[in-house]
Structure formats: C-alpha cells, structure tokens
Amino acid sequence: MDCVSPILDVATRLWDCSANSALYIRELQENLKSLKSLTEELSNLSKDVMGRVEREEEQQSRRTHDVDGWLRAVQVMEIEVEEILQNGDQEIQKKCLGTCPKNCWSSYKLGKIVTKKINAVTELKAKGNFDVVAERLPSAPVDERPIGKTVGLDLMFEKVRRCLEDEQVRSIELYGIGGVGKTTLLQKINNEFFRKRNDFDVVIWVVVSKHINIEKIQGVILNKLPTGDDKWKSRSKEEKAAEIFKLLKARNFAILLDDKWERLNLFEVGIPDLNDPTKSKAVLTTRSEQVCNEMEVHKRIRVECLTPDEAFSLFCNKVGENVLNSHPDIKRLANIVVEECKGLPLALIIIRRSMSNRTKF
C-alpha cells in the first residue's frame, strides 16, 4: 500500500503534465488567433495614446515617463508577437500535431509561449488607459523677440536700463508719439533680459492694444505661468486675477505691457502691488502723455524723435547702398525726406520700402 501511493502520485502528475501539454498543442491554432487579435487591439490603443501625446506636445507639453515607457513596451511587444506568429504559421503548416512526436515537442513549447504572451499582451493593454498623457513644459523665463538693427535708441535704452537697476524704481512708463520707437525700445529691453543673467523668474510680454481686453491680457500671462492645465480658460475674470496674483506674488517677475492706449488697472488683471518686497518690475508703453500721467508709476520717460544725423543713418541703413547709389540725387533727396519725417523711425522705414519698390521697376 505504501509502495503503491508514490507510484500513483507520480503517475497522476505525469498524466496532468501530459494533459496540459496536449492542451497547449491542441489549442495552439486558436491561441495564435487570439494573440493576433489582442495585439491588434493593443496596437490600436497605442495609436490612440500616441495621437493624444502628439496633440499635447504641439501645445508645449511633454509626455509623462509612464506613457513613454508604455509606448516603448508596446513597440517591443509588437516585434515579439510578430516573431511568434510567424513561427506559429510555420508550425501549423507542418500539419503534424498529434502524429509526429518530433514536432509535438516544438508545438508544445510554442503553445506555452503563446499562452504566456497572451497574458502579457492583456496585461500591457490594461495599463494603457491613461487619464493624463503629457505634462505642460515650463515656459522659458524670457522669450527672445525678433528685432532689427536699431539706430538712435542707445542713449534711451541706457536710461531705461539704469532705471531697471534702481531698486527704488519698480515701474516705468515709456511715452511718445506713434512711430517714435517705443515698441522697439521695449523689445530691446526684453532681449537684454534674454541675453544676460537677471533676477527675474519670468519675463512676460503683453500687447495691450487700443481696446483693453482684460481677459486676453490674463490669458497671455497665464500661458507663461505654471498653471498645470487649461482649466483657467473657462474661469471668470476674477478667478483668473486671483490665480495670476497667487502665482506672481511668489516670484520675481518683469512684465512688459506694450501699446497701451488708456489707463490699465494692473490689480484688475491680477498683477501684485509692485511696492511689495520683491524685485519685480513693470515697463509700459503708451503714445498718450495723459494716459501716462494717469498711471501710478515710479518713473516716466519720454521717448524722443531721432536727431537729424540719427534719422539719416537709420534711413541709409534701411535703404541700403544699392538704392542710395542708384541715382546721384538719392542722397540729397534722402536728407529732405529725413527732415520731412521729423525724426520718426517708422516714417524712415515706410519711405525706404516705397523707394525700394520703385527701384525694382
């Protein structure tokens, strides 16, 4: 009795192993179909996730490490499954299942691999349901702005730069008639922050324009700050102001507000009091001296027209040697044009374009 039990136990185990082996062999073809179908579902899910990732990355976001790792795992899985399916096709074509002992062993091994791979694909597919596929990248502290060669703004720029270095001057208003170079000067200031080390965590450029739109200004500011997502697009003006205030209050910031036509309430936007113990600064531009006087800024600077020599130098620089030398009267006429333009850089540029177009014909 004692001798029979071990023999029976061994026989039972051998029977179980044989039965399992036969199951792997018998269901190989069906399992191969299931593996192929599951892998196609996994591939489609991967394409959907990748589509979401690409849309987010177009909006200055970066895929999460979990998503990146999953997408890579899917690529590896697709290659492994493709190899298994090819081997499976070859095995099925032999038509030796259950009749050829030599091939039964290879079919058993393949059947076991297929079953494990089905479980692996199912598990990987279950991990692909992501609520968040990408995180917003932090904006660069300063965005460089395109600007051509400037003439006649060096002294004015130095004056503004000294004011920015003055800890007592927290806000500056640049004012002057249209076309005098206020925006160019502000761009030069912005790019100075870009090129050189400064104390600001973020520099924000906002074009205010003639008709003030508080929520549009708020949107530009929020896009430069780490708000986490786009939830603020649907919030009220007051809620946006509270969020901007919270985010800016914790930072040293410089905000450059260009082309302001009327008084702008900075508190309504959400910009903190610049008298707080931070190093934050605000630089604004307007063409109206009255609007400038209405703003409670620490320093007001009038942007003057170019001197005749500066205006002529800018004109020559914009026109180019080819145009200047195309006719003996050009330089004489240029001096007349410069005088008529009264030192306005923008008017020096418009005439240049007109002359350049005419010389083409």
Protein backbone atom coordinates (compact mmCIF):
# COMPACT_ATOMS: atom_id res chain seq x y z
CA MET A 1 0.00 0.00 0.00
CA ASP A 2 2.85 2.31 0.95
CA CYS A 3 4.64 1.39 -2.29
CA VAL A 4 1.60 1.98 -4.47
CA SER A 5 0.89 5.54 -3.28
CA PRO A 6 4.16 7.11 -4.51
CA ILE A 7 3.79 5.34 -7.85
CA LEU A 8 0.20 6.56 -8.15
CA ASP A 9 1.24 10.07 -7.23
CA VAL A 10 3.94 10.12 -9.89
CA ALA A 11 1.56 8.68 -12.46
CA THR A 12 -1.05 11.32 -11.62
CA ARG A 13 1.48 14.11 -12.04
CA LEU A 14 2.69 12.68 -15.31
CA TRP A 15 -0.91 12.48 -16.51
CA ASP A 16 -1.53 16.12 -15.53
CA CYS A 17 1.62 17.23 -17.36
CA SER A 18 0.66 15.22 -20.41
CA ALA A 19 -2.85 16.64 -20.35
CA ASN A 20 -1.53 20.21 -20.09
CA SER A 21 0.95 19.55 -22.85
CA ALA A 22 -1.79 18.19 -25.05
CA LEU A 23 -3.88 21.26 -24.25
CA TYR A 24 -1.10 23.60 -25.37
CA ILE A 25 -0.74 21.63 -28.61
CA ARG A 26 -4.44 21.19 -29.30
CA GLU A 27 -5.31 24.89 -28.74
CA LEU A 28 -2.23 26.33 -30.47
CA GLN A 29 -4.04 27.48 -33.61
CA GLU A 30 -6.88 29.10 -31.65
CA ASN A 31 -4.47 30.78 -29.25
CA LEU A 32 -2.45 32.17 -32.12
CA LYS A 33 -5.61 33.81 -33.45
CA SER A 34 -6.37 35.24 -30.01
CA LEU A 35 -2.81 36.56 -29.67
CA LYS A 36 -3.03 38.26 -33.07
CA SER A 37 -6.41 39.83 -32.25
CA LEU A 38 -5.29 41.07 -28.81
CA THR A 39 -2.11 42.54 -30.28
CA GLU A 40 -4.10 44.40 -32.92
CA GLU A 41 -6.26 45.87 -30.14
CA LEU A 42 -3.10 46.84 -28.26
CA SER A 43 -1.66 48.50 -31.40
CA ASN A 44 -4.86 50.48 -31.95
CA LEU A 45 -4.83 51.64 -28.33
CA SER A 46 -1.19 52.63 -28.74
CA LYS A 47 -2.06 54.73 -31.82
CA ASP A 48 -4.84 56.48 -29.88
CA VAL A 49 -2.49 57.25 -26.97
CA MET A 50 0.20 58.45 -29.39
CA GLY A 51 -2.34 60.72 -31.09
CA ARG A 52 -3.19 62.30 -27.72
CA VAL A 53 0.51 62.69 -26.94
CA GLU A 54 1.25 64.41 -30.26
CA ARG A 55 -1.62 66.86 -29.78
CA GLU A 56 -0.38 67.70 -26.29
CA GLU A 57 3.22 68.07 -27.46
CA GLU A 58 2.09 70.57 -30.10
CA GLN A 59 0.83 72.64 -27.15
CA GLN A 60 4.26 72.76 -25.47
CA SER A 61 3.70 69.70 -23.27
CA ARG A 62 5.92 66.67 -22.65
CA ARG A 63 4.74 63.06 -22.44
CA THR A 64 4.89 61.54 -18.97
CA HIS A 65 7.52 58.90 -18.20
CA ASP A 66 4.77 56.30 -17.66
CA VAL A 67 3.29 56.95 -21.10
CA ASP A 68 6.69 56.98 -22.79
CA GLY A 69 7.64 53.69 -21.13
CA TRP A 70 4.31 52.10 -22.09
CA LEU A 71 4.60 53.15 -25.75
CA ARG A 72 8.12 51.70 -25.90
CA ALA A 73 6.89 48.47 -24.28
CA VAL A 74 4.15 48.20 -26.91
CA GLN A 75 6.72 48.53 -29.70
CA VAL A 76 8.81 45.72 -28.20
CA MET A 77 5.70 43.59 -27.68
CA GLU A 78 4.61 44.05 -31.31
CA ILE A 79 8.01 42.81 -32.54
CA GLU A 80 7.97 39.79 -30.22
CA VAL A 81 4.41 38.85 -31.17
CA GLU A 82 5.18 39.17 -34.88
CA GLU A 83 8.01 36.65 -34.48
CA ILE A 84 5.75 34.26 -32.51
CA LEU A 85 3.01 34.48 -35.15
CA GLN A 86 5.49 33.69 -37.91
CA ASN A 87 6.72 30.64 -36.00
CA GLY A 88 3.12 29.65 -35.36
CA ASP A 89 2.25 29.79 -39.07
CA GLN A 90 5.19 27.53 -39.83
CA GLU A 91 4.16 25.11 -37.08
CA ILE A 92 0.57 24.95 -38.30
CA GLN A 93 1.69 24.32 -41.88
CA LYS A 94 3.59 21.18 -40.84
CA LYS A 95 0.25 19.52 -40.01
CA CYS A 96 1.94 17.18 -37.61
CA LEU A 97 0.09 17.94 -34.41
CA GLY A 98 -0.58 14.72 -32.50
CA THR A 99 1.02 12.49 -35.16
CA CYS A 100 4.70 13.38 -35.28
CA PRO A 101 6.48 13.09 -31.90
CA LYS A 102 9.43 15.16 -33.11
CA ASN A 103 7.16 18.14 -33.87
CA CYS A 104 4.84 17.70 -30.91
CA TRP A 105 7.56 18.89 -28.58
CA SER A 106 8.15 22.09 -30.61
CA SER A 107 4.39 22.66 -30.82
CA TYR A 108 4.12 22.23 -27.05
CA LYS A 109 6.91 24.76 -26.41
CA LEU A 110 5.37 27.24 -28.86
CA GLY A 111 1.90 26.73 -27.37
CA LYS A 112 3.24 27.51 -23.92
CA ILE A 113 4.96 30.68 -25.19
CA VAL A 114 1.76 31.80 -26.94
CA THR A 115 -0.30 31.38 -23.77
CA LYS A 116 2.19 33.42 -21.73
CA LYS A 117 2.31 36.10 -24.40
CA ILE A 118 -1.50 36.35 -24.45
CA ASN A 119 -1.39 37.10 -20.73
CA ALA A 120 1.41 39.64 -21.23
CA VAL A 121 -0.44 41.46 -24.04
CA THR A 122 -3.65 41.53 -21.97
CA GLU A 123 -1.77 42.98 -19.00
CA LEU A 124 0.00 45.61 -21.12
CA LYS A 125 -3.28 46.61 -22.78
CA ALA A 126 -4.90 47.10 -19.37
CA LYS A 127 -2.11 49.54 -18.41
CA GLY A 128 -2.79 51.76 -21.44
CA ASN A 129 -5.82 53.63 -20.10
CA PHE A 130 -4.16 56.93 -19.17
CA ASP A 131 -6.05 59.89 -17.74
CA VAL A 132 -3.05 62.16 -18.36
CA VAL A 133 -0.59 61.53 -21.19
CA ALA A 134 1.54 64.69 -21.02
CA GLU A 135 2.55 67.46 -18.68
CA ARG A 136 2.92 71.08 -19.62
CA LEU A 137 6.52 72.21 -20.01
CA PRO A 138 7.59 75.22 -18.00
CA SER A 139 7.91 78.26 -20.25
CA ALA A 140 11.32 79.77 -20.82
CA PRO A 141 11.86 82.63 -18.36
CA VAL A 142 12.27 85.03 -21.30
CA ASP A 143 11.17 84.67 -24.94
CA GLU A 144 13.55 86.41 -27.34
CA ARG A 145 11.69 88.77 -29.67
CA PRO A 146 12.69 89.47 -33.29
CA ILE A 147 14.21 92.90 -33.72
CA GLY A 148 16.26 94.52 -36.47
CA LYS A 149 19.23 96.82 -36.11
CA THR A 150 18.37 99.87 -34.02
CA VAL A 151 19.63 103.40 -34.56
CA GLY A 152 19.35 106.28 -32.11
CA LEU A 153 17.97 104.25 -29.20
CA ASP A 154 21.20 103.53 -27.36
CA LEU A 155 21.06 106.53 -25.05
CA MET A 156 17.37 105.98 -24.32
CA PHE A 157 17.99 102.29 -23.70
CA GLU A 158 20.78 103.08 -21.22
CA LYS A 159 18.46 105.44 -19.40
CA VAL A 160 15.80 102.77 -19.07
CA ARG A 161 18.35 100.13 -18.09
CA ARG A 162 19.65 102.31 -15.26
CA CYS A 163 16.08 102.75 -14.01
CA LEU A 164 15.58 98.99 -14.07
CA GLU A 165 18.71 98.54 -11.98
CA ASP A 166 17.44 101.06 -9.44
CA GLU A 167 15.76 99.12 -6.62
CA GLN A 168 13.56 102.10 -5.84
CA VAL A 169 12.10 102.18 -9.36
CA ARG A 170 9.62 99.34 -9.73
CA SER A 171 7.50 100.61 -12.62
CA ILE A 172 8.40 102.62 -15.74
CA GLU A 173 6.16 104.20 -18.37
CA LEU A 174 7.62 104.98 -21.81
CA TYR A 175 5.56 107.50 -23.74
CA GLY A 176 5.87 109.30 -27.06
CA ILE A 177 4.12 109.80 -30.38
CA GLY A 178 3.34 106.84 -32.62
CA GLY A 179 6.26 105.53 -34.65
CA VAL A 180 8.92 107.05 -32.39
CA GLY A 181 10.32 103.66 -31.38
CA LYS A 182 8.66 102.73 -28.07
CA THR A 183 7.93 99.14 -29.08
CA THR A 184 11.43 98.71 -30.50
CA LEU A 185 12.87 100.03 -27.26
CA LEU A 186 10.72 97.62 -25.24
CA GLN A 187 11.83 94.73 -27.48
CA LYS A 188 15.43 95.73 -26.87
CA ILE A 189 14.80 95.65 -23.11
CA ASN A 190 13.14 92.23 -23.38
CA ASN A 191 16.06 90.80 -25.35
CA GLU A 192 18.52 92.24 -22.86
CA PHE A 193 16.79 90.13 -20.21
CA PHE A 194 17.10 87.15 -22.58
CA ARG A 195 20.81 87.58 -23.24
CA LYS A 196 22.03 88.46 -19.77
CA ARG A 197 21.59 86.94 -16.36
CA ASN A 198 18.92 88.71 -14.31
CA ASP A 199 16.94 88.38 -11.10
CA PHE A 200 13.61 87.54 -12.73
CA ASP A 201 11.93 84.14 -12.59
CA VAL A 202 9.80 85.07 -15.59
CA VAL A 203 9.57 87.94 -18.11
CA ILE A 204 6.13 88.38 -19.67
CA TRP A 205 5.42 90.35 -22.87
CA VAL A 206 1.85 91.54 -23.42
CA VAL A 207 0.45 93.65 -26.26
CA VAL A 208 -2.41 95.64 -24.73
CA SER A 209 -3.71 97.39 -27.90
CA LYS A 210 -6.26 100.16 -28.32
CA HIS A 211 -9.29 98.46 -26.79
CA ILE A 212 -8.25 96.88 -23.49
CA ASN A 213 -9.35 93.27 -23.07
CA ILE A 214 -8.54 92.22 -19.50
CA GLU A 215 -9.21 88.53 -20.07
CA LYS A 216 -6.99 88.46 -23.16
CA ILE A 217 -4.17 90.01 -21.13
CA GLN A 218 -4.81 87.47 -18.37
CA GLY A 219 -4.65 84.64 -20.90
CA VAL A 220 -1.22 85.73 -22.13
CA ILE A 221 0.08 85.94 -18.56
CA LEU A 222 -1.34 82.55 -17.53
CA ASN A 223 0.26 80.92 -20.57
CA LYS A 224 3.65 81.98 -19.22
CA LEU A 225 2.98 80.63 -15.74
CA PRO A 226 2.82 77.01 -14.46
CA THR A 227 -0.95 76.73 -14.10
CA GLY A 228 -0.87 72.98 -14.76
CA ASP A 229 -3.59 72.83 -17.44
CA ASP A 230 -6.08 74.84 -19.46
CA LYS A 231 -8.77 74.93 -16.76
CA TRP A 232 -8.46 78.72 -16.47
CA LYS A 233 -9.84 79.31 -19.96
CA SER A 234 -13.36 78.72 -18.67
CA ARG A 235 -12.97 80.64 -15.39
CA SER A 236 -14.19 84.14 -14.66
CA LYS A 237 -12.05 87.26 -14.91
CA GLU A 238 -11.94 87.49 -11.11
CA GLU A 239 -10.82 83.87 -10.72
CA LYS A 240 -8.08 84.37 -13.30
CA ALA A 241 -6.94 87.52 -11.49
CA ALA A 242 -6.73 85.60 -8.19
CA GLU A 243 -4.66 82.83 -9.81
CA ILE A 244 -2.30 85.32 -11.50
CA PHE A 245 -1.89 87.18 -8.22
CA LYS A 246 -1.05 83.95 -6.36
CA LEU A 247 1.48 82.80 -8.97
CA LEU A 248 3.20 86.17 -9.48
CA LYS A 249 3.33 87.06 -5.78
CA ALA A 250 5.63 84.09 -5.21
CA ARG A 251 8.02 85.16 -7.99
CA ASN A 252 10.31 87.94 -9.10
CA PHE A 253 8.77 88.94 -12.42
CA ALA A 254 9.10 91.56 -15.13
CA ILE A 255 6.01 92.37 -17.13
CA LEU A 256 6.31 94.39 -20.35
CA LEU A 257 2.98 95.93 -21.42
CA ASP A 258 3.18 97.38 -24.92
CA ASP A 259 0.87 99.76 -26.81
CA LYS A 260 -1.43 100.91 -24.02
CA TRP A 261 -4.00 103.47 -25.19
CA GLU A 262 -5.83 104.05 -21.94
CA ARG A 263 -5.35 103.59 -18.22
CA LEU A 264 -4.89 99.94 -17.28
CA ASN A 265 -5.80 98.71 -13.81
CA LEU A 266 -2.99 96.27 -13.00
CA PHE A 267 -4.82 94.96 -9.93
CA GLU A 268 -7.82 94.03 -12.09
CA VAL A 269 -5.50 91.89 -14.21
CA GLY A 270 -4.09 90.24 -11.09
CA ILE A 271 -0.64 91.86 -11.08
CA PRO A 272 0.56 92.26 -7.46
CA ASP A 273 1.49 95.58 -5.90
CA LEU A 274 4.96 96.42 -7.17
CA ASN A 275 5.77 98.01 -3.82
CA ASP A 276 5.87 94.55 -2.23
CA PRO A 277 9.33 93.41 -1.02
CA THR A 278 10.27 91.65 -4.28
CA LYS A 279 12.46 92.60 -7.23
CA SER A 280 9.57 92.62 -9.69
CA LYS A 281 9.27 95.33 -12.35
CA ALA A 282 6.75 96.60 -14.87
CA VAL A 283 7.53 98.55 -18.05
CA LEU A 284 4.64 100.03 -20.03
CA THR A 285 4.41 101.98 -23.28
CA THR A 286 1.80 104.47 -24.45
CA ARG A 287 1.63 107.22 -27.03
CA SER A 288 -0.51 109.41 -24.73
CA GLU A 289 1.15 111.60 -22.13
CA GLN A 290 -2.25 111.93 -20.43
CA VAL A 291 -2.57 108.16 -20.09
CA CYS A 292 0.99 108.08 -18.80
CA ASN A 293 0.13 110.63 -16.11
CA GLU A 294 -2.93 108.60 -15.09
CA MET A 295 -0.79 105.55 -14.28
CA GLU A 296 0.77 105.39 -10.84
CA VAL A 297 4.30 104.53 -11.99
CA HIS A 298 7.61 105.35 -10.36
CA LYS A 299 9.30 106.71 -13.47
CA ARG A 300 8.00 108.34 -16.67
CA ILE A 301 10.33 108.54 -19.67
CA ARG A 302 9.55 110.39 -22.88
CA VAL A 303 10.86 108.64 -25.99
CA GLU A 304 12.12 111.42 -28.25
CA CYS A 305 12.39 111.51 -32.02
CA LEU A 306 15.73 110.82 -33.66
CA THR A 307 18.21 113.61 -34.29
CA PRO A 308 18.73 114.51 -38.00
CA ASP A 309 22.01 112.57 -38.06
CA GLU A 310 20.45 109.52 -36.39
CA ALA A 311 17.46 109.66 -38.71
CA PHE A 312 19.69 109.85 -41.80
CA SER A 313 21.84 106.97 -40.50
CA LEU A 314 18.73 104.82 -39.96
CA PHE A 315 17.42 105.78 -43.42
CA CYS A 316 20.70 104.79 -45.10
CA ASN A 317 20.81 101.56 -43.11
CA LYS A 318 17.29 100.57 -44.15
CA VAL A 319 17.58 101.67 -47.78
CA GLY A 320 20.94 100.02 -48.43
CA GLU A 321 23.90 101.00 -50.56
CA ASN A 322 22.39 99.76 -53.81
CA VAL A 323 19.42 102.12 -53.60
CA LEU A 324 21.48 105.05 -52.30
CA ASN A 325 23.92 104.76 -55.20
CA SER A 326 21.31 104.04 -57.85
CA HIS A 327 20.95 107.76 -58.69
CA PRO A 328 23.09 110.84 -57.91
CA ASP A 329 20.10 112.71 -56.44
CA ILE A 330 19.12 109.99 -53.94
CA LYS A 331 21.24 111.21 -51.01
CA ARG A 332 20.12 114.82 -51.48
CA LEU A 333 16.50 113.71 -51.59
CA ALA A 334 17.11 111.45 -48.59
CA ASN A 335 18.07 114.45 -46.46
CA ILE A 336 14.85 116.19 -47.50
CA VAL A 337 12.83 113.09 -46.64
CA VAL A 338 14.53 112.77 -43.25
CA GLU A 339 13.72 116.39 -42.47
CA GLU A 340 10.09 115.94 -43.51
CA CYS A 341 9.75 112.80 -41.33
CA LYS A 342 10.74 114.82 -38.26
CA GLY A 343 12.92 112.07 -36.83
CA LEU A 344 10.24 109.37 -36.74
CA PRO A 345 11.91 105.94 -37.27
CA LEU A 346 8.70 104.30 -38.53
CA ALA A 347 8.24 107.02 -41.20
CA LEU A 348 12.09 106.44 -42.07
CA ILE A 349 11.25 102.74 -42.76
CA ILE A 350 7.94 103.34 -44.78
CA ILE A 351 9.74 105.71 -47.21
CA ARG A 352 12.54 103.17 -47.58
CA ARG A 353 10.07 100.47 -48.58
CA SER A 354 8.48 102.80 -51.10
CA MET A 355 11.83 103.72 -52.64
CA SER A 356 12.97 100.10 -52.73
CA ASN A 357 9.80 99.08 -54.54
CA ARG A 358 10.21 101.87 -57.08
CA THR A 359 13.81 100.98 -57.84
CA LYS A 360 12.68 97.46 -58.78
CA PHE A 361 10.85 98.97 -61.71
